[in-house]
C-alpha atoms as a PDB file:
ATOM      1  CA  MET A   1      -0.221  -0.053   0.106  1.00  0.00           C
ATOM      2  CA  VAL A   2       2.310   2.511   1.065  1.00  0.00           C
ATOM      3  CA  CYS A   3       4.921   2.154  -2.125  1.00  0.00           C
ATOM      4  CA  GLU A   4       1.854   2.968  -4.295  1.00  0.00           C
ATOM      5  CA  PHE A   5       2.418   6.394  -3.027  1.00  0.00           C
ATOM      6  CA  ASP A   6       6.187   6.595  -2.124  1.00  0.00           C
ATOM      7  CA  PRO A   7       8.805   6.523  -4.968  1.00  0.00           C
ATOM      8  CA  VAL A   8      11.315   5.306  -3.200  1.00  0.00           C
ATOM      9  CA  MET A   9       9.730   2.371  -2.042  1.00  0.00           C
ATOM     10  CA  GLN A  10       8.914   1.403  -5.497  1.00  0.00           C
ATOM     11  CA  GLU A  11      12.317   1.846  -6.082  1.00  0.00           C
ATOM     12  CA  HIS A  12      13.474  -0.437  -3.332  1.00  0.00           C
ATOM     13  CA  LEU A  13      10.524  -3.322  -4.563  1.00  0.00           C
ATOM     14  CA  ARG A  14      11.785  -3.263  -7.627  1.00  0.00           C
ATOM     15  CA  ARG A  15      15.584  -4.236  -6.798  1.00  0.00           C
ATOM     16  CA  ALA A  16      14.249  -6.918  -4.395  1.00  0.00           C
ATOM     17  CA  LYS A  17      12.399  -8.035  -7.161  1.00  0.00           C
ATOM     18  CA  ALA A  18      15.390  -8.255  -9.578  1.00  0.00           C
ATOM     19  CA  ARG A  19      17.594  -9.451  -7.276  1.00  0.00           C
ATOM     20  CA  GLU A  20      19.737  -6.919  -6.953  1.00  0.00           C
ATOM     21  CA  ILE A  21      19.368  -5.857  -2.778  1.00  0.00           C
ATOM     22  CA  GLN A  22      19.123  -8.596  -0.284  1.00  0.00           C
ATOM     23  CA  TYR A  23      16.233  -8.874   2.414  1.00  0.00           C
ATOM     24  CA  THR A  24      15.280  -9.612   5.765  1.00  0.00           C
ATOM     25  CA  CYS A  25      12.245  -9.466   7.562  1.00  0.00           C
ATOM     26  CA  LYS A  26      11.271  -8.345  11.122  1.00  0.00           C
ATOM     27  CA  SER A  27       7.896  -8.273  12.719  1.00  0.00           C
ATOM     28  CA  GLY A  28       6.816  -7.034  16.356  1.00  0.00           C
ATOM     29  CA  GLY A  29       4.745  -5.737  18.194  1.00  0.00           C
ATOM     30  CA  ALA A  30       1.361  -4.926  16.552  1.00  0.00           C
ATOM     31  CA  MET A  31       2.213  -7.162  13.936  1.00  0.00           C
ATOM     32  CA  SER A  32       4.895  -4.661  11.668  1.00  0.00           C
ATOM     33  CA  LEU A  33       6.431  -5.489   8.587  1.00  0.00           C
ATOM     34  CA  ILE A  34       9.987  -3.886   8.038  1.00  0.00           C
ATOM     35  CA  MET A  35      12.285  -4.791   5.263  1.00  0.00           C
ATOM     36  CA  ARG A  36      15.884  -4.525   6.099  1.00  0.00           C
ATOM     37  CA  PHE A  37      18.166  -5.579   2.796  1.00  0.00           C
ATOM     38  CA  VAL A  38      21.744  -4.942   1.762  1.00  0.00           C
ATOM     39  CA  ASP A  39      21.861  -2.553  -1.292  1.00  0.00           C
ATOM     40  CA  ASN A  40      24.565  -3.350  -3.252  1.00  0.00           C
ATOM     41  CA  SER A  41      23.299  -1.355  -6.870  1.00  0.00           C
ATOM     42  CA  GLU A  42      26.548   1.152  -5.662  1.00  0.00           C
ATOM     43  CA  ASN A  43      29.726   0.196  -5.520  1.00  0.00           C
ATOM     44  CA  LEU A  44      29.410   0.488  -2.000  1.00  0.00           C
ATOM     45  CA  PRO A  45      26.887  -2.067  -0.072  1.00  0.00           C
ATOM     46  CA  THR A  46      25.219  -0.751   2.260  1.00  0.00           C
ATOM     47  CA  VAL A  47      22.233  -1.852   5.060  1.00  0.00           C
ATOM     48  CA  GLN A  48      19.364  -0.224   4.576  1.00  0.00           C
ATOM     49  CA  GLU A  49      15.587  -0.702   6.816  1.00  0.00           C
ATOM     50  CA  HIS A  50      12.588   0.409   6.074  1.00  0.00           C
ATOM     51  CA  TRP A  51       8.601  -0.105   7.569  1.00  0.00           C
ATOM     52  CA  LEU A  52       6.720  -1.467   5.194  1.00  0.00           C
ATOM     53  CA  GLU A  53       2.943  -2.293   6.417  1.00  0.00           C
ATOM     54  CA  PHE A  54       0.933  -3.026   9.396  1.00  0.00           C
ATOM     55  CA  LEU A  55      -0.783  -6.780   8.984  1.00  0.00           C
ATOM     56  CA  LYS A  56      -4.174  -6.943  10.776  1.00  0.00           C
ATOM     57  CA  VAL A  57      -4.069 -10.086  12.480  1.00  0.00           C
ATOM     58  CA  ASP A  58      -7.060 -10.961  15.066  1.00  0.00           C
ATOM     59  CA  ASP A  59      -5.759 -14.618  15.815  1.00  0.00           C
ATOM     60  CA  THR A  60      -2.064 -14.647  17.212  1.00  0.00           C
ATOM     61  CA  THR A  61      -1.497 -18.185  17.349  1.00  0.00           C
ATOM     62  CA  ARG A  62       1.723 -18.867  15.299  1.00  0.00           C
ATOM     63  CA  LEU A  63       0.016 -21.105  12.194  1.00  0.00           C
ATOM     64  CA  ARG A  64      -1.516 -17.477  12.176  1.00  0.00           C
ATOM     65  CA  LEU A  65       1.378 -15.454  12.426  1.00  0.00           C
ATOM     66  CA  ALA A  66       3.267 -17.303  10.028  1.00  0.00           C
ATOM     67  CA  ILE A  67       0.981 -17.284   7.299  1.00  0.00           C
ATOM     68  CA  GLU A  68      -0.420 -13.532   7.395  1.00  0.00           C
ATOM     69  CA  LEU A  69       3.668 -13.366   6.845  1.00  0.00           C
ATOM     70  CA  GLN A  70       3.749 -15.341   4.227  1.00  0.00           C
ATOM     71  CA  LYS A  71       0.518 -13.390   2.578  1.00  0.00           C
ATOM     72  CA  ALA A  72       2.158 -10.046   3.143  1.00  0.00           C
ATOM     73  CA  LEU A  73       5.195 -10.999   1.603  1.00  0.00           C
ATOM     74  CA  ILE A  74       2.891 -12.442  -1.265  1.00  0.00           C
ATOM     75  CA  LYS A  75       1.113  -9.824  -1.566  1.00  0.00           C
ATOM     76  CA  ILE A  76       4.783  -7.454  -2.544  1.00  0.00           C
ATOM     77  CA  ASP A  77       5.604  -9.616  -4.554  1.00  0.00           C
ATOM     78  CA  LEU A  78       8.945 -10.688  -2.565  1.00  0.00           C
ATOM     79  CA  ASP A  79       9.721 -14.471  -2.608  1.00  0.00           C
ATOM     80  CA  ILE A  80      10.675 -16.108   0.537  1.00  0.00           C
ATOM     81  CA  ASP A  81      13.407 -17.985  -0.686  1.00  0.00           C
ATOM     82  CA  ASP A  82      15.002 -14.672  -0.613  1.00  0.00           C
ATOM     83  CA  ILE A  83      15.082 -14.042   2.928  1.00  0.00           C
ATOM     84  CA  ARG A  84      18.464 -13.954   4.562  1.00  0.00           C
ATOM     85  CA  GLY A  85      17.551 -13.444   8.324  1.00  0.00           C
ATOM     86  CA  GLN A  86      14.306 -12.906  10.443  1.00  0.00           C
ATOM     87  CA  GLU A  87      13.966 -10.869  13.670  1.00  0.00           C
ATOM     88  CA  TYR A  88      11.068 -10.810  16.213  1.00  0.00           C
ATOM     89  CA  ASP A  89      10.398  -9.620  19.692  1.00  0.00           C
ATOM     90  CA  ASN A  90      11.439 -12.549  22.333  1.00  0.00           C
ATOM     91  CA  GLY A  91       7.601 -13.893  22.749  1.00  0.00           C
ATOM     92  CA  SER A  92       7.283 -17.333  23.100  1.00  0.00           C
ATOM     93  CA  ASN A  93       5.169 -17.236  20.135  1.00  0.00           C
ATOM     94  CA  MET A  94       7.037 -15.744  17.687  1.00  0.00           C
ATOM     95  CA  SER A  95      10.960 -17.150  19.049  1.00  0.00           C
ATOM     96  CA  GLU A  96      10.545 -20.369  20.323  1.00  0.00           C
ATOM     97  CA  LYS A  97      12.395 -22.907  19.230  1.00  0.00           C
ATOM     98  CA  HIS A  98      10.736 -26.154  18.114  1.00  0.00           C
ATOM     99  CA  LYS A  99       6.607 -24.638  16.931  1.00  0.00           C
ATOM    100  CA  ASP A 100       6.479 -20.780  16.412  1.00  0.00           C
ATOM    101  CA  VAL A 101       6.870 -18.266  13.559  1.00  0.00           C
ATOM    102  CA  GLN A 102      10.476 -18.577  12.919  1.00  0.00           C
ATOM    103  CA  ARG A 103      10.512 -22.214  13.289  1.00  0.00           C
ATOM    104  CA  ARG A 104       7.687 -22.430  10.462  1.00  0.00           C
ATOM    105  CA  VAL A 105       9.386 -19.122   8.360  1.00  0.00           C
ATOM    106  CA  TYR A 106      12.964 -21.862   8.912  1.00  0.00           C
ATOM    107  CA  GLU A 107      11.080 -24.548   7.244  1.00  0.00           C
ATOM    108  CA  MET A 108      10.171 -22.987   4.447  1.00  0.00           C
ATOM    109  CA  ASN A 109      13.515 -21.857   3.903  1.00  0.00           C
ATOM    110  CA  PRO A 110      16.495 -22.264   5.757  1.00  0.00           C
ATOM    111  CA  ARG A 111      19.015 -19.744   5.189  1.00  0.00           C
ATOM    112  CA  ALA A 112      16.619 -17.369   7.044  1.00  0.00           C
ATOM    113  CA  PHE A 113      18.694 -17.459  10.115  1.00  0.00           C
ATOM    114  CA  TYR A 114      16.729 -16.542  13.314  1.00  0.00           C
ATOM    115  CA  THR A 115      18.249 -13.512  15.294  1.00  0.00           C
ATOM    116  CA  PRO A 116      16.714 -12.192  18.789  1.00  0.00           C
ATOM    117  CA  CYS A 117      15.673  -8.793  19.137  1.00  0.00           C
ATOM    118  CA  GLY A 118      18.594  -7.533  21.053  1.00  0.00           C
ATOM    119  CA  ALA A 119      17.289  -4.671  22.099  1.00  0.00           C
ATOM    120  CA  TYR A 120      14.104  -6.368  23.226  1.00  0.00           C
ATOM    121  CA  SER A 121      16.247  -8.873  25.097  1.00  0.00           C
ATOM    122  CA  LEU A 122      17.919  -6.239  27.448  1.00  0.00           C
ATOM    123  CA  ASN A 123      14.254  -4.909  27.852  1.00  0.00           C
ATOM    124  CA  LEU A 124      13.299  -8.018  28.998  1.00  0.00           C
ATOM    125  CA  ALA A 125      15.770  -9.182  31.216  1.00  0.00           C
ATOM    126  CA  LEU A 126      15.503  -5.691  32.929  1.00  0.00           C
ATOM    127  CA  CYS A 127      11.885  -6.159  33.425  1.00  0.00           C
ATOM    128  CA  ASP A 128      11.966  -9.731  34.787  1.00  0.00           C
ATOM    129  CA  MET A 129      14.823  -8.271  37.243  1.00  0.00           C
ATOM    130  CA  VAL A 130      12.139  -5.835  38.457  1.00  0.00           C
ATOM    131  CA  ASN A 131       9.171  -8.509  38.712  1.00  0.00           C
ATOM    132  CA  CYS A 132      11.532 -10.366  40.384  1.00  0.00           C
ATOM    133  CA  CYS A 133      12.387  -7.500  43.780  1.00  0.00           C
ATOM    134  CA  SER A 134       9.377  -6.727  45.456  1.00  0.00           C
ATOM    135  CA  LYS A 135      10.862  -3.709  46.694  1.00  0.00           C
ATOM    136  CA  ALA A 136      11.624  -3.076  43.094  1.00  0.00           C
ATOM    137  CA  VAL A 137       7.689  -3.221  42.216  1.00  0.00           C
ATOM    138  CA  SER A 138       6.993  -0.892  45.105  1.00  0.00           C
ATOM    139  CA  PHE A 139       9.634   1.818  44.257  1.00  0.00           C
ATOM    140  CA  PHE A 140       8.320   2.102  40.592  1.00  0.00           C
ATOM    141  CA  GLY A 141       4.737   2.421  41.918  1.00  0.00           C
ATOM    142  CA  VAL A 142       5.097   4.777  44.204  1.00  0.00           C
ATOM    143  CA  ILE A 143       6.950   6.837  41.265  1.00  0.00           C
ATOM    144  CA  GLN A 144       4.053   6.062  39.272  1.00  0.00           C
ATOM    145  CA  CYS A 145       1.354   7.176  41.639  1.00  0.00           C
ATOM    146  CA  ILE A 146       3.302  10.638  42.053  1.00  0.00           C
ATOM    147  CA  TYR A 147       2.659  10.864  38.410  1.00  0.00           C
ATOM    148  CA  ARG A 148      -0.831   9.752  38.608  1.00  0.00           C
ATOM    149  CA  LEU A 149      -2.083  12.160  41.606  1.00  0.00           C
ATOM    150  CA  PHE A 150      -0.815  15.500  39.898  1.00  0.00           C
ATOM    151  CA  SER A 151      -1.878  14.170  36.080  1.00  0.00           C
ATOM    152  CA  SER A 152      -5.209  12.905  36.606  1.00  0.00           C
ATOM    153  CA  PHE A 153      -6.689  16.623  36.925  1.00  0.00           C
ATOM    154  CA  THR A 154      -5.842  19.574  34.858  1.00  0.00           C
ATOM    155  CA  LYS A 155      -6.082  22.035  37.839  1.00  0.00           C
ATOM    156  CA  ARG A 156      -3.594  19.829  40.040  1.00  0.00           C
ATOM    157  CA  TRP A 157      -1.259  19.863  36.769  1.00  0.00           C
ATOM    158  CA  LYS A 158      -1.312  23.481  36.776  1.00  0.00           C
ATOM    159  CA  PHE A 159      -0.580  23.169  40.587  1.00  0.00           C
ATOM    160  CA  PHE A 160       2.552  21.155  39.953  1.00  0.00           C
ATOM    161  CA  LYS A 161       3.993  23.041  36.982  1.00  0.00           C
ATOM    162  CA  ASP A 162       3.475  26.270  39.258  1.00  0.00           C
ATOM    163  CA  ASN A 163       5.477  24.776  42.628  1.00  0.00           C
ATOM    164  CA  VAL A 164       8.130  22.678  40.080  1.00  0.00           C
ATOM    165  CA  GLN A 165      10.255  24.633  37.384  1.00  0.00           C
ATOM    166  CA  GLY A 166      11.789  22.483  36.117  1.00  0.00           C
ATOM    167  CA  LEU A 167      12.030  18.682  34.428  1.00  0.00           C
ATOM    168  CA  THR A 168       8.239  17.445  33.848  1.00  0.00           C
ATOM    169  CA  MET A 169       7.080  14.167  35.177  1.00  0.00           C
ATOM    170  CA  LYS A 170       6.649  11.639  32.675  1.00  0.00           C
ATOM    171  CA  PRO A 171       4.547   8.226  33.122  1.00  0.00           C
ATOM    172  CA  LEU A 172       6.279   4.954  33.276  1.00  0.00           C
ATOM    173  CA  SER A 173       6.178   3.078  29.957  1.00  0.00           C
ATOM    174  CA  GLN A 174       4.921  -0.332  30.062  1.00  0.00           C
ATOM    175  CA  THR A 175       6.937  -1.643  26.524  1.00  0.00           C
ATOM    176  CA  ARG A 176      10.176  -0.196  27.432  1.00  0.00           C
ATOM    177  CA  TRP A 177      11.327  -0.187  30.393  1.00  0.00           C
ATOM    178  CA  GLU A 178      14.827   1.122  30.003  1.00  0.00           C
ATOM    179  CA  SER A 179      12.810   5.259  29.292  1.00  0.00           C
ATOM    180  CA  HIS A 180      11.740   4.067  32.906  1.00  0.00           C
ATOM    181  CA  VAL A 181      14.801   6.835  33.627  1.00  0.00           C
ATOM    182  CA  GLU A 182      13.267   9.766  32.178  1.00  0.00           C
ATOM    183  CA  SER A 183      10.286   9.057  35.612  1.00  0.00           C
ATOM    184  CA  VAL A 184      13.181   8.895  37.663  1.00  0.00           C
ATOM    185  CA  LYS A 185      15.063  11.650  36.767  1.00  0.00           C
ATOM    186  CA  PRO A 186      12.344  14.252  37.783  1.00  0.00           C
ATOM    187  CA  ILE A 187      11.477  13.106  40.922  1.00  0.00           C
ATOM    188  CA  MET A 188      15.318  12.295  41.891  1.00  0.00           C
ATOM    189  CA  GLU A 189      16.889  16.183  40.901  1.00  0.00           C
ATOM    190  CA  GLN A 190      13.835  17.857  42.511  1.00  0.00           C
ATOM    191  CA  THR A 191      12.486  16.038  44.830  1.00  0.00           C
ATOM    192  CA  ALA A 192      12.427  18.777  47.600  1.00  0.00           C
ATOM    193  CA  GLN A 193      10.288  21.001  45.841  1.00  0.00           C
ATOM    194  CA  ILE A 194       7.794  17.973  44.819  1.00  0.00           C
ATOM    195  CA  ARG A 195       7.808  16.856  48.243  1.00  0.00           C
ATOM    196  CA  ASP A 196       6.460  20.623  49.267  1.00  0.00           C
ATOM    197  CA  ALA A 197       4.387  20.601  45.993  1.00  0.00           C
ATOM    198  CA  LEU A 198       2.391  17.184  47.929  1.00  0.00           C
ATOM    199  CA  LEU A 199       2.820  19.055  50.865  1.00  0.00           C
ATOM    200  CA  ASP A 200       0.819  21.994  50.130  1.00  0.00           C
ATOM    201  CA  LEU A 201      -1.791  20.167  47.520  1.00  0.00           C
ATOM    202  CA  VAL A 202      -2.512  17.965  50.901  1.00  0.00           C
ATOM    203  CA  GLU A 203      -3.549  21.488  52.909  1.00  0.00           C
ATOM    204  CA  SER A 204      -5.215  22.436  49.993  1.00  0.00           C
ATOM    205  CA  ASN A 205      -7.205  20.142  48.568  1.00  0.00           C
ATOM    206  CA  GLU A 206     -10.441  18.352  50.610  1.00  0.00           C
ATOM    207  CA  ASP A 207     -11.060  15.036  49.732  1.00  0.00           C
ATOM    208  CA  PRO A 208      -9.505  12.779  51.998  1.00  0.00           C
ATOM    209  CA  LYS A 209      -8.576  10.409  50.475  1.00  0.00           C
ATOM    210  CA  VAL A 210      -6.428  12.485  48.326  1.00  0.00           C
ATOM    211  CA  LYS A 211      -4.905  14.095  51.403  1.00  0.00           C
ATOM    212  CA  SER A 212      -4.444  10.527  53.235  1.00  0.00           C
ATOM    213  CA  GLU A 213      -2.569   9.413  49.572  1.00  0.00           C
ATOM    214  CA  THR A 214      -0.689  12.629  49.351  1.00  0.00           C
ATOM    215  CA  GLU A 215       0.615  12.984  52.694  1.00  0.00           C
ATOM    216  CA  SER A 216       1.827   9.491  52.746  1.00  0.00           C
ATOM    217  CA  LEU A 217       3.682  10.341  49.616  1.00  0.00           C
ATOM    218  CA  ALA A 218       5.431  13.264  50.838  1.00  0.00           C
ATOM    219  CA  ILE A 219       6.174  11.929  54.093  1.00  0.00           C
ATOM    220  CA  HIS A 220       6.124   8.616  54.041  1.00  0.00           C
ATOM    221  CA  GLU A 221       8.242   8.090  50.669  1.00  0.00           C
ATOM    222  CA  LEU A 222       9.818  11.736  49.678  1.00  0.00           C
ATOM    223  CA  GLN A 223      11.135  11.744  53.531  1.00  0.00           C
ATOM    224  CA  ASN A 224      11.970   7.879  53.312  1.00  0.00           C
ATOM    225  CA  PHE A 225      15.982   7.122  53.287  1.00  0.00           C
ATOM    226  CA  GLU A 226      15.867   3.895  51.358  1.00  0.00           C
ATOM    227  CA  PHE A 227      13.100   5.250  48.803  1.00  0.00           C
ATOM    228  CA  LEU A 228      15.996   8.357  48.060  1.00  0.00           C
ATOM    229  CA  PHE A 229      18.443   5.728  47.647  1.00  0.00           C
ATOM    230  CA  GLY A 230      16.364   3.991  45.394  1.00  0.00           C
ATOM    231  CA  MET A 231      16.183   6.454  43.295  1.00  0.00           C
ATOM    232  CA  ILE A 232      19.854   7.349  42.675  1.00  0.00           C
ATOM    233  CA  ILE A 233      20.690   3.282  42.185  1.00  0.00           C
ATOM    234  CA  TRP A 234      17.642   2.907  39.413  1.00  0.00           C
ATOM    235  CA  HIS A 235      18.635   5.819  37.762  1.00  0.00           C
ATOM    236  CA  ARG A 236      22.287   5.027  37.495  1.00  0.00           C
ATOM    237  CA  LEU A 237      20.849   1.330  36.324  1.00  0.00           C
ATOM    238  CA  LEU A 238      18.581   2.759  33.762  1.00  0.00           C
ATOM    239  CA  HIS A 239      20.901   5.446  32.065  1.00  0.00           C
ATOM    240  CA  ALA A 240      23.291   2.674  31.677  1.00  0.00           C
ATOM    241  CA  VAL A 241      20.499   0.410  29.936  1.00  0.00           C
ATOM    242  CA  ASN A 242      19.160   2.913  28.350  1.00  0.00           C
ATOM    243  CA  ILE A 243      22.430   3.837  26.197  1.00  0.00           C
ATOM    244  CA  VAL A 244      23.207   0.638  25.068  1.00  0.00           C
ATOM    245  CA  SER A 245      19.348  -0.412  23.912  1.00  0.00           C
ATOM    246  CA  LYS A 246      19.668   2.662  21.578  1.00  0.00           C
ATOM    247  CA  PHE A 247      22.783   1.835  20.354  1.00  0.00           C
ATOM    248  CA  LEU A 248      22.122  -1.634  19.910  1.00  0.00           C
ATOM    249  CA  GLN A 249      18.988   0.376  17.551  1.00  0.00           C
ATOM    250  CA  THR A 250      20.841   1.735  15.259  1.00  0.00           C
ATOM    251  CA  GLU A 251      21.265   0.542  11.993  1.00  0.00           C
ATOM    252  CA  SER A 252      24.923   0.499  11.617  1.00  0.00           C
ATOM    253  CA  MET A 253      25.110  -1.501  14.322  1.00  0.00           C
ATOM    254  CA  ASP A 254      26.616  -4.551  14.061  1.00  0.00           C
ATOM    255  CA  ILE A 255      27.724  -7.880  15.953  1.00  0.00           C
ATOM    256  CA  ASP A 256      31.277  -7.561  17.527  1.00  0.00           C
ATOM    257  CA  HIS A 257      30.207  -3.890  18.755  1.00  0.00           C
ATOM    258  CA  ALA A 258      26.807  -5.496  20.225  1.00  0.00           C
ATOM    259  CA  ILE A 259      28.983  -7.832  21.724  1.00  0.00           C
ATOM    260  CA  ASP A 260      31.449  -4.948  23.313  1.00  0.00           C
ATOM    261  CA  LEU A 261      28.175  -2.626  24.745  1.00  0.00           C
ATOM    262  CA  LEU A 262      26.974  -5.924  26.388  1.00  0.00           C
ATOM    263  CA  GLN A 263      29.871  -6.948  27.970  1.00  0.00           C
ATOM    264  CA  GLY A 264      30.648  -3.205  29.108  1.00  0.00           C
ATOM    265  CA  LEU A 265      27.364  -3.369  30.792  1.00  0.00           C
ATOM    266  CA  PHE A 266      27.352  -5.986  32.577  1.00  0.00           C
ATOM    267  CA  HIS A 267      30.979  -5.486  33.790  1.00  0.00           C
ATOM    268  CA  PHE A 268      29.055  -1.895  34.913  1.00  0.00           C
ATOM    269  CA  LEU A 269      26.048  -3.272  36.824  1.00  0.00           C
ATOM    270  CA  LYS A 270      29.551  -5.667  38.615  1.00  0.00           C
ATOM    271  CA  ASN A 271      31.084  -2.992  39.644  1.00  0.00           C
ATOM    272  CA  THR A 272      28.443  -0.944  40.401  1.00  0.00           C
ATOM    273  CA  GLU A 273      27.990  -2.660  44.074  1.00  0.00           C
ATOM    274  CA  LYS A 274      31.886  -2.005  44.769  1.00  0.00           C
ATOM    275  CA  SER A 275      31.777   1.454  43.630  1.00  0.00           C
ATOM    276  CA  ASP A 276      31.997   4.794  45.638  1.00  0.00           C
ATOM    277  CA  LEU A 277      30.863   7.043  43.252  1.00  0.00           C
ATOM    278  CA  LEU A 278      27.312   6.773  44.916  1.00  0.00           C
ATOM    279  CA  LEU A 279      28.585   8.031  47.974  1.00  0.00           C
ATOM    280  CA  PRO A 280      28.148  12.121  47.918  1.00  0.00           C
ATOM    281  CA  LYS A 281      24.999  11.288  46.100  1.00  0.00           C
ATOM    282  CA  MET A 282      24.332   9.003  48.941  1.00  0.00           C
ATOM    283  CA  LYS A 283      25.052  12.138  51.641  1.00  0.00           C
ATOM    284  CA  ARG A 284      22.843  14.570  49.849  1.00  0.00           C
ATOM    285  CA  GLN A 285      19.772  12.405  48.941  1.00  0.00           C
ATOM    286  CA  LYS A 286      20.266  11.616  53.030  1.00  0.00           C
ATOM    287  CA  ARG A 287      20.401  15.457  54.146  1.00  0.00           C
ATOM    288  CA  GLN A 288      17.277  15.634  52.063  1.00  0.00           C
ATOM    289  CA  ALA A 289      15.497  12.937  54.027  1.00  0.00           C
ATOM    290  CA  LYS A 290      16.072  14.581  57.324  1.00  0.00           C
END
């Protein structure tokens, strides 16, 4: 559908059908179809990637997803035998070894080797790490509660903006866990101002439920050393993971560089508990808690 109105896409598809390029197919999320290909029509071959279309899939079983992918390739006149790789998110219906979409495509074309999405794998590891720790779940619950408290009504959001001059709070993303750093950072860097805004909201609001929740957040969370210290730890961790995740998604990324990035992240996490870089921030947050 896109190629009907996009001359650049028309040219790419012409080259694919003329065997001037090789391509790799990816799908993920709401079953979006993306083509990554090697364009060797010029002197210097280049890797390029373009989104083709969204596939409407009501049945997300392995067989139906594989059939829809095959139908989509036929529709745009691309031969499944020309695929040299496939990449999906790491859901079991897409990437499980013996009975998933990647296996069905591999059976049709043994040269369509499967590569798990590195950035998504990192996201899943972070998500599982948080979900297996009750204190981490509670910590991010508080972060979301503070955002929800101010953002649920226009009047409260204006109240927040009038009292906190600086970074704006953001909701927690449910799909990109490493982006939680953007939700933690405003509260970490403006703890005192946000606490004062919460206390002012307690005085100005007449709803007993809101007053109780707001006071609890201001006194029992934003003045709690464990929570304040947790913000420092999570911000450092999420910041490091977010940088690596973004690099893994760049078009120029290769396997050697990806391995180096992941090994560097692993060493960073191993050394964090031994580092004394946290001490100055720990002391500053402890003074704020008092």
